[in-house]
PDB file of N, CA and C in Angstrom:
ATOM      1  N   MET A   1       5.583   0.312  13.874  1.00  0.00           N
ATOM      2  CA  MET A   1       5.761   0.712  12.486  1.00  0.00           C
ATOM      3  C   MET A   1       4.502   1.382  11.950  1.00  0.00           C
ATOM      4  N   THR A   2       4.704   2.197  10.965  1.00  0.00           N
ATOM      5  CA  THR A   2       3.617   2.921  10.328  1.00  0.00           C
ATOM      6  C   THR A   2       3.022   2.083   9.200  1.00  0.00           C
ATOM      7  N   SER A   3       1.752   2.315   8.918  1.00  0.00           N
ATOM      8  CA  SER A   3       1.115   1.580   7.827  1.00  0.00           C
ATOM      9  C   SER A   3       0.950   2.482   6.605  1.00  0.00           C
ATOM     10  N   LEU A   4       0.696   1.861   5.479  1.00  0.00           N
ATOM     11  CA  LEU A   4       0.579   2.568   4.205  1.00  0.00           C
ATOM     12  C   LEU A   4      -0.613   3.529   4.183  1.00  0.00           C
ATOM     13  N   GLU A   5      -1.633   3.264   4.970  1.00  0.00           N
ATOM     14  CA  GLU A   5      -2.811   4.142   4.973  1.00  0.00           C
ATOM     15  C   GLU A   5      -2.508   5.545   5.494  1.00  0.00           C
ATOM     16  N   SER A   6      -1.457   5.706   6.279  1.00  0.00           N
ATOM     17  CA  SER A   6      -1.144   7.001   6.878  1.00  0.00           C
ATOM     18  C   SER A   6      -0.181   7.843   6.041  1.00  0.00           C
ATOM     19  N   VAL A   7       0.260   7.341   4.910  1.00  0.00           N
ATOM     20  CA  VAL A   7       1.206   8.061   4.061  1.00  0.00           C
ATOM     21  C   VAL A   7       0.465   9.119   3.250  1.00  0.00           C
ATOM     22  N   SER A   8       1.027  10.305   3.141  1.00  0.00           N
ATOM     23  CA  SER A   8       0.375  11.377   2.398  1.00  0.00           C
ATOM     24  C   SER A   8       0.666  11.268   0.900  1.00  0.00           C
ATOM     25  N   VAL A   9      -0.182  11.905   0.107  1.00  0.00           N
ATOM     26  CA  VAL A   9      -0.068  11.888  -1.348  1.00  0.00           C
ATOM     27  C   VAL A   9       1.275  12.473  -1.770  1.00  0.00           C
ATOM     28  N   GLY A  10       1.930  11.817  -2.715  1.00  0.00           N
ATOM     29  CA  GLY A  10       3.215  12.269  -3.229  1.00  0.00           C
ATOM     30  C   GLY A  10       4.420  11.652  -2.550  1.00  0.00           C
ATOM     31  N   THR A  11       4.193  10.893  -1.495  1.00  0.00           N
ATOM     32  CA  THR A  11       5.277  10.281  -0.732  1.00  0.00           C
ATOM     33  C   THR A  11       5.648   8.927  -1.301  1.00  0.00           C
ATOM     34  N   THR A  12       6.945   8.657  -1.361  1.00  0.00           N
ATOM     35  CA  THR A  12       7.451   7.347  -1.761  1.00  0.00           C
ATOM     36  C   THR A  12       8.026   6.668  -0.531  1.00  0.00           C
ATOM     37  N   THR A  13       7.692   5.416  -0.355  1.00  0.00           N
ATOM     38  CA  THR A  13       8.148   4.635   0.793  1.00  0.00           C
ATOM     39  C   THR A  13       8.375   3.201   0.348  1.00  0.00           C
ATOM     40  N   SER A  14       8.855   2.370   1.243  1.00  0.00           N
ATOM     41  CA  SER A  14       9.046   0.962   0.895  1.00  0.00           C
ATOM     42  C   SER A  14       8.249   0.073   1.845  1.00  0.00           C
ATOM     43  N   VAL A  15       7.800  -1.047   1.318  1.00  0.00           N
ATOM     44  CA  VAL A  15       7.001  -1.999   2.086  1.00  0.00           C
ATOM     45  C   VAL A  15       7.928  -2.779   3.009  1.00  0.00           C
ATOM     46  N   ALA A  16       7.541  -2.891   4.272  1.00  0.00           N
ATOM     47  CA  ALA A  16       8.305  -3.684   5.234  1.00  0.00           C
ATOM     48  C   ALA A  16       7.677  -5.058   5.429  1.00  0.00           C
ATOM     49  N   ASP A  17       6.327  -5.100   5.478  1.00  0.00           N
ATOM     50  CA  ASP A  17       5.633  -6.361   5.749  1.00  0.00           C
ATOM     51  C   ASP A  17       4.152  -6.207   5.422  1.00  0.00           C
ATOM     52  N   VAL A  18       3.503  -7.326   5.149  1.00  0.00           N
ATOM     53  CA  VAL A  18       2.050  -7.362   4.990  1.00  0.00           C
ATOM     54  C   VAL A  18       1.520  -8.246   6.109  1.00  0.00           C
ATOM     55  N   ALA A  19       0.692  -7.665   6.974  1.00  0.00           N
ATOM     56  CA  ALA A  19       0.194  -8.379   8.148  1.00  0.00           C
ATOM     57  C   ALA A  19      -0.942  -9.329   7.784  1.00  0.00           C
ATOM     58  N   GLY A  20      -1.008 -10.425   8.501  1.00  0.00           N
ATOM     59  CA  GLY A  20      -2.099 -11.374   8.336  1.00  0.00           C
ATOM     60  C   GLY A  20      -1.730 -12.541   7.445  1.00  0.00           C
ATOM     61  N   ASP A  21      -2.572 -13.566   7.496  1.00  0.00           N
ATOM     62  CA  ASP A  21      -2.358 -14.738   6.644  1.00  0.00           C
ATOM     63  C   ASP A  21      -3.671 -15.194   6.011  1.00  0.00           C
ATOM     64  N   ASP A  22      -4.562 -14.229   5.793  1.00  0.00           N
ATOM     65  CA  ASP A  22      -5.843 -14.539   5.174  1.00  0.00           C
ATOM     66  C   ASP A  22      -5.791 -14.243   3.671  1.00  0.00           C
ATOM     67  N   ALA A  23      -6.933 -14.379   3.007  1.00  0.00           N
ATOM     68  CA  ALA A  23      -7.003 -14.195   1.556  1.00  0.00           C
ATOM     69  C   ALA A  23      -6.660 -12.764   1.138  1.00  0.00           C
ATOM     70  N   THR A  24      -7.048 -11.776   1.924  1.00  0.00           N
ATOM     71  CA  THR A  24      -6.761 -10.383   1.581  1.00  0.00           C
ATOM     72  C   THR A  24      -5.262 -10.104   1.625  1.00  0.00           C
ATOM     73  N   SER A  25      -4.595 -10.566   2.652  1.00  0.00           N
ATOM     74  CA  SER A  25      -3.144 -10.374   2.755  1.00  0.00           C
ATOM     75  C   SER A  25      -2.414 -11.081   1.618  1.00  0.00           C
ATOM     76  N   LEU A  26      -2.838 -12.273   1.296  1.00  0.00           N
ATOM     77  CA  LEU A  26      -2.229 -13.014   0.195  1.00  0.00           C
ATOM     78  C   LEU A  26      -2.432 -12.276  -1.119  1.00  0.00           C
ATOM     79  N   ARG A  27      -3.609 -11.724  -1.326  1.00  0.00           N
ATOM     80  CA  ARG A  27      -3.894 -10.987  -2.560  1.00  0.00           C
ATOM     81  C   ARG A  27      -3.033  -9.735  -2.657  1.00  0.00           C
ATOM     82  N   LEU A  28      -2.815  -9.040  -1.558  1.00  0.00           N
ATOM     83  CA  LEU A  28      -1.938  -7.867  -1.572  1.00  0.00           C
ATOM     84  C   LEU A  28      -0.522  -8.260  -1.991  1.00  0.00           C
ATOM     85  N   LEU A  29      -0.049  -9.376  -1.492  1.00  0.00           N
ATOM     86  CA  LEU A  29       1.278  -9.873  -1.883  1.00  0.00           C
ATOM     87  C   LEU A  29       1.302 -10.233  -3.366  1.00  0.00           C
ATOM     88  N   GLU A  30       0.245 -10.875  -3.845  1.00  0.00           N
ATOM     89  CA  GLU A  30       0.167 -11.250  -5.262  1.00  0.00           C
ATOM     90  C   GLU A  30       0.141 -10.034  -6.179  1.00  0.00           C
ATOM     91  N   MET A  31      -0.415  -8.924  -5.704  1.00  0.00           N
ATOM     92  CA  MET A  31      -0.483  -7.696  -6.503  1.00  0.00           C
ATOM     93  C   MET A  31       0.841  -6.928  -6.482  1.00  0.00           C
ATOM     94  N   GLY A  32       1.832  -7.434  -5.769  1.00  0.00           N
ATOM     95  CA  GLY A  32       3.160  -6.829  -5.803  1.00  0.00           C
ATOM     96  C   GLY A  32       3.586  -6.087  -4.562  1.00  0.00           C
ATOM     97  N   LEU A  33       2.760  -6.026  -3.543  1.00  0.00           N
ATOM     98  CA  LEU A  33       3.126  -5.342  -2.306  1.00  0.00           C
ATOM     99  C   LEU A  33       3.943  -6.274  -1.420  1.00  0.00           C
ATOM    100  N   THR A  34       5.143  -6.574  -1.875  1.00  0.00           N
ATOM    101  CA  THR A  34       6.036  -7.478  -1.161  1.00  0.00           C
ATOM    102  C   THR A  34       7.107  -6.672  -0.429  1.00  0.00           C
ATOM    103  N   PRO A  35       7.684  -7.228   0.626  1.00  0.00           N
ATOM    104  CA  PRO A  35       8.717  -6.505   1.373  1.00  0.00           C
ATOM    105  C   PRO A  35       9.863  -6.034   0.476  1.00  0.00           C
ATOM    106  N   GLY A  36      10.215  -4.758   0.647  1.00  0.00           N
ATOM    107  CA  GLY A  36      11.319  -4.166  -0.102  1.00  0.00           C
ATOM    108  C   GLY A  36      10.908  -3.352  -1.314  1.00  0.00           C
ATOM    109  N   VAL A  37       9.700  -3.521  -1.806  1.00  0.00           N
ATOM    110  CA  VAL A  37       9.271  -2.802  -3.009  1.00  0.00           C
ATOM    111  C   VAL A  37       8.985  -1.336  -2.678  1.00  0.00           C
ATOM    112  N   GLN A  38       9.352  -0.442  -3.596  1.00  0.00           N
ATOM    113  CA  GLN A  38       9.094   0.990  -3.449  1.00  0.00           C
ATOM    114  C   GLN A  38       7.666   1.295  -3.906  1.00  0.00           C
ATOM    115  N   VAL A  39       6.941   2.068  -3.101  1.00  0.00           N
ATOM    116  CA  VAL A  39       5.549   2.420  -3.384  1.00  0.00           C
ATOM    117  C   VAL A  39       5.395   3.929  -3.274  1.00  0.00           C
ATOM    118  N   LYS A  40       4.733   4.527  -4.263  1.00  0.00           N
ATOM    119  CA  LYS A  40       4.434   5.965  -4.214  1.00  0.00           C
ATOM    120  C   LYS A  40       2.922   6.123  -4.152  1.00  0.00           C
ATOM    121  N   VAL A  41       2.459   6.951  -3.227  1.00  0.00           N
ATOM    122  CA  VAL A  41       1.030   7.257  -3.130  1.00  0.00           C
ATOM    123  C   VAL A  41       0.742   8.369  -4.130  1.00  0.00           C
ATOM    124  N   ILE A  42      -0.046   8.054  -5.154  1.00  0.00           N
ATOM    125  CA  ILE A  42      -0.325   8.986  -6.247  1.00  0.00           C
ATOM    126  C   ILE A  42      -1.502   9.894  -5.927  1.00  0.00           C
ATOM    127  N   ASN A  43      -2.590   9.312  -5.420  1.00  0.00           N
ATOM    128  CA  ASN A  43      -3.802  10.087  -5.204  1.00  0.00           C
ATOM    129  C   ASN A  43      -4.742   9.347  -4.263  1.00  0.00           C
ATOM    130  N   THR A  44      -5.751  10.057  -3.787  1.00  0.00           N
ATOM    131  CA  THR A  44      -6.845   9.435  -3.047  1.00  0.00           C
ATOM    132  C   THR A  44      -8.150   9.886  -3.673  1.00  0.00           C
ATOM    133  N   ALA A  45      -9.190   9.100  -3.502  1.00  0.00           N
ATOM    134  CA  ALA A  45     -10.509   9.499  -3.977  1.00  0.00           C
ATOM    135  C   ALA A  45     -11.003  10.681  -3.137  1.00  0.00           C
ATOM    136  N   PRO A  46     -12.009  11.403  -3.604  1.00  0.00           N
ATOM    137  CA  PRO A  46     -12.488  12.584  -2.874  1.00  0.00           C
ATOM    138  C   PRO A  46     -12.851  12.333  -1.405  1.00  0.00           C
ATOM    139  N   LEU A  47     -13.379  11.165  -1.095  1.00  0.00           N
ATOM    140  CA  LEU A  47     -13.728  10.862   0.291  1.00  0.00           C
ATOM    141  C   LEU A  47     -12.605  10.108   1.021  1.00  0.00           C
ATOM    142  N   GLY A  48     -11.435   9.995   0.364  1.00  0.00           N
ATOM    143  CA  GLY A  48     -10.276   9.389   1.003  1.00  0.00           C
ATOM    144  C   GLY A  48     -10.110   7.897   0.804  1.00  0.00           C
ATOM    145  N   ASP A  49     -11.017   7.265   0.105  1.00  0.00           N
ATOM    146  CA  ASP A  49     -10.934   5.814  -0.091  1.00  0.00           C
ATOM    147  C   ASP A  49     -11.428   5.490  -1.489  1.00  0.00           C
ATOM    148  N   PRO A  50     -10.698   4.842  -2.340  1.00  0.00           N
ATOM    149  CA  PRO A  50      -9.441   4.137  -2.147  1.00  0.00           C
ATOM    150  C   PRO A  50      -8.207   5.014  -2.380  1.00  0.00           C
ATOM    151  N   LEU A  51      -7.036   4.407  -2.167  1.00  0.00           N
ATOM    152  CA  LEU A  51      -5.750   5.040  -2.429  1.00  0.00           C
ATOM    153  C   LEU A  51      -5.246   4.558  -3.783  1.00  0.00           C
ATOM    154  N   GLU A  52      -4.632   5.445  -4.551  1.00  0.00           N
ATOM    155  CA  GLU A  52      -4.003   5.052  -5.806  1.00  0.00           C
ATOM    156  C   GLU A  52      -2.496   5.005  -5.574  1.00  0.00           C
ATOM    157  N   LEU A  53      -1.903   3.859  -5.842  1.00  0.00           N
ATOM    158  CA  LEU A  53      -0.473   3.639  -5.618  1.00  0.00           C
ATOM    159  C   LEU A  53       0.230   3.385  -6.936  1.00  0.00           C
ATOM    160  N   GLU A  54       1.525   3.683  -6.961  1.00  0.00           N
ATOM    161  CA  GLU A  54       2.353   3.317  -8.107  1.00  0.00           C
ATOM    162  C   GLU A  54       3.495   2.447  -7.600  1.00  0.00           C
ATOM    163  N   LEU A  55       3.627   1.258  -8.170  1.00  0.00           N
ATOM    164  CA  LEU A  55       4.690   0.339  -7.802  1.00  0.00           C
ATOM    165  C   LEU A  55       4.986  -0.587  -8.964  1.00  0.00           C
ATOM    166  N   ARG A  56       6.217  -1.001  -9.071  1.00  0.00           N
ATOM    167  CA  ARG A  56       6.636  -1.948 -10.102  1.00  0.00           C
ATOM    168  C   ARG A  56       6.198  -1.567 -11.522  1.00  0.00           C
ATOM    169  N   GLY A  57       6.092  -0.265 -11.794  1.00  0.00           N
ATOM    170  CA  GLY A  57       5.745   0.188 -13.132  1.00  0.00           C
ATOM    171  C   GLY A  57       4.260   0.189 -13.462  1.00  0.00           C
ATOM    172  N   TYR A  58       3.404   0.001 -12.490  1.00  0.00           N
ATOM    173  CA  TYR A  58       1.966   0.075 -12.739  1.00  0.00           C
ATOM    174  C   TYR A  58       1.270   0.767 -11.579  1.00  0.00           C
ATOM    175  N   ARG A  59       0.000   1.078 -11.777  1.00  0.00           N
ATOM    176  CA  ARG A  59      -0.797   1.742 -10.736  1.00  0.00           C
ATOM    177  C   ARG A  59      -1.810   0.763 -10.169  1.00  0.00           C
ATOM    178  N   LEU A  60      -2.021   0.887  -8.877  1.00  0.00           N
ATOM    179  CA  LEU A  60      -2.879  -0.020  -8.135  1.00  0.00           C
ATOM    180  C   LEU A  60      -3.744   0.792  -7.183  1.00  0.00           C
ATOM    181  N   SER A  61      -5.021   0.473  -7.104  1.00  0.00           N
ATOM    182  CA  SER A  61      -5.919   1.120  -6.148  1.00  0.00           C
ATOM    183  C   SER A  61      -6.329   0.108  -5.094  1.00  0.00           C
ATOM    184  N   ILE A  62      -6.158   0.484  -3.838  1.00  0.00           N
ATOM    185  CA  ILE A  62      -6.577  -0.381  -2.726  1.00  0.00           C
ATOM    186  C   ILE A  62      -7.329   0.451  -1.696  1.00  0.00           C
ATOM    187  N   ARG A  63      -8.169  -0.191  -0.946  1.00  0.00           N
ATOM    188  CA  ARG A  63      -8.943   0.487   0.098  1.00  0.00           C
ATOM    189  C   ARG A  63      -8.048   0.772   1.314  1.00  0.00           C
ATOM    190  N   ARG A  64      -8.455   1.729   2.116  1.00  0.00           N
ATOM    191  CA  ARG A  64      -7.673   2.095   3.311  1.00  0.00           C
ATOM    192  C   ARG A  64      -7.547   0.933   4.289  1.00  0.00           C
ATOM    193  N   ASN A  65      -8.602   0.135   4.447  1.00  0.00           N
ATOM    194  CA  ASN A  65      -8.498  -0.991   5.379  1.00  0.00           C
ATOM    195  C   ASN A  65      -7.487  -2.025   4.884  1.00  0.00           C
ATOM    196  N   GLU A  66      -7.295  -2.134   3.573  1.00  0.00           N
ATOM    197  CA  GLU A  66      -6.254  -3.009   3.026  1.00  0.00           C
ATOM    198  C   GLU A  66      -4.874  -2.371   3.212  1.00  0.00           C
ATOM    199  N   ALA A  67      -4.788  -1.070   3.004  1.00  0.00           N
ATOM    200  CA  ALA A  67      -3.518  -0.353   3.179  1.00  0.00           C
ATOM    201  C   ALA A  67      -3.051  -0.400   4.637  1.00  0.00           C
ATOM    202  N   ALA A  68      -3.990  -0.517   5.570  1.00  0.00           N
ATOM    203  CA  ALA A  68      -3.641  -0.590   6.985  1.00  0.00           C
ATOM    204  C   ALA A  68      -2.865  -1.869   7.307  1.00  0.00           C
ATOM    205  N   ARG A  69      -2.969  -2.877   6.471  1.00  0.00           N
ATOM    206  CA  ARG A  69      -2.246  -4.140   6.686  1.00  0.00           C
ATOM    207  C   ARG A  69      -0.797  -4.078   6.212  1.00  0.00           C
ATOM    208  N   VAL A  70      -0.463  -3.044   5.433  1.00  0.00           N
ATOM    209  CA  VAL A  70       0.867  -2.935   4.827  1.00  0.00           C
ATOM    210  C   VAL A  70       1.746  -2.038   5.693  1.00  0.00           C
ATOM    211  N   ALA A  71       2.711  -2.643   6.377  1.00  0.00           N
ATOM    212  CA  ALA A  71       3.668  -1.888   7.203  1.00  0.00           C
ATOM    213  C   ALA A  71       4.739  -1.318   6.275  1.00  0.00           C
ATOM    214  N   ILE A  72       5.158  -0.088   6.556  1.00  0.00           N
ATOM    215  CA  ILE A  72       6.165   0.570   5.726  1.00  0.00           C
ATOM    216  C   ILE A  72       7.380   0.955   6.550  1.00  0.00           C
ATOM    217  N   SER A  73       8.467   1.194   5.843  1.00  0.00           N
ATOM    218  CA  SER A  73       9.689   1.682   6.493  1.00  0.00           C
ATOM    219  C   SER A  73      10.248   2.805   5.644  1.00  0.00           C
ATOM    220  N   GLY A  74      10.747   3.824   6.309  1.00  0.00           N
ATOM    221  CA  GLY A  74      11.362   4.933   5.599  1.00  0.00           C
ATOM    222  C   GLY A  74      10.398   5.684   4.813  1.00  0.00           C
TER     223      GLY A  74
END
């Protein structure tokens, strides 16, 4: 499966899974990146990190290494 870090700007996809069982993975789930939710990549910073996402009616910025933990489908 592909991860959220590889999605290009302007693309909408859905979360399939969040890998890991540490504090970072739990925090991603708490911020709304749960399986089935639709996520749109809005923008990236000039050097490519962090990513700006839109989900559940709000915007969220996460680092690429965090986005690599989020598996996507479609």
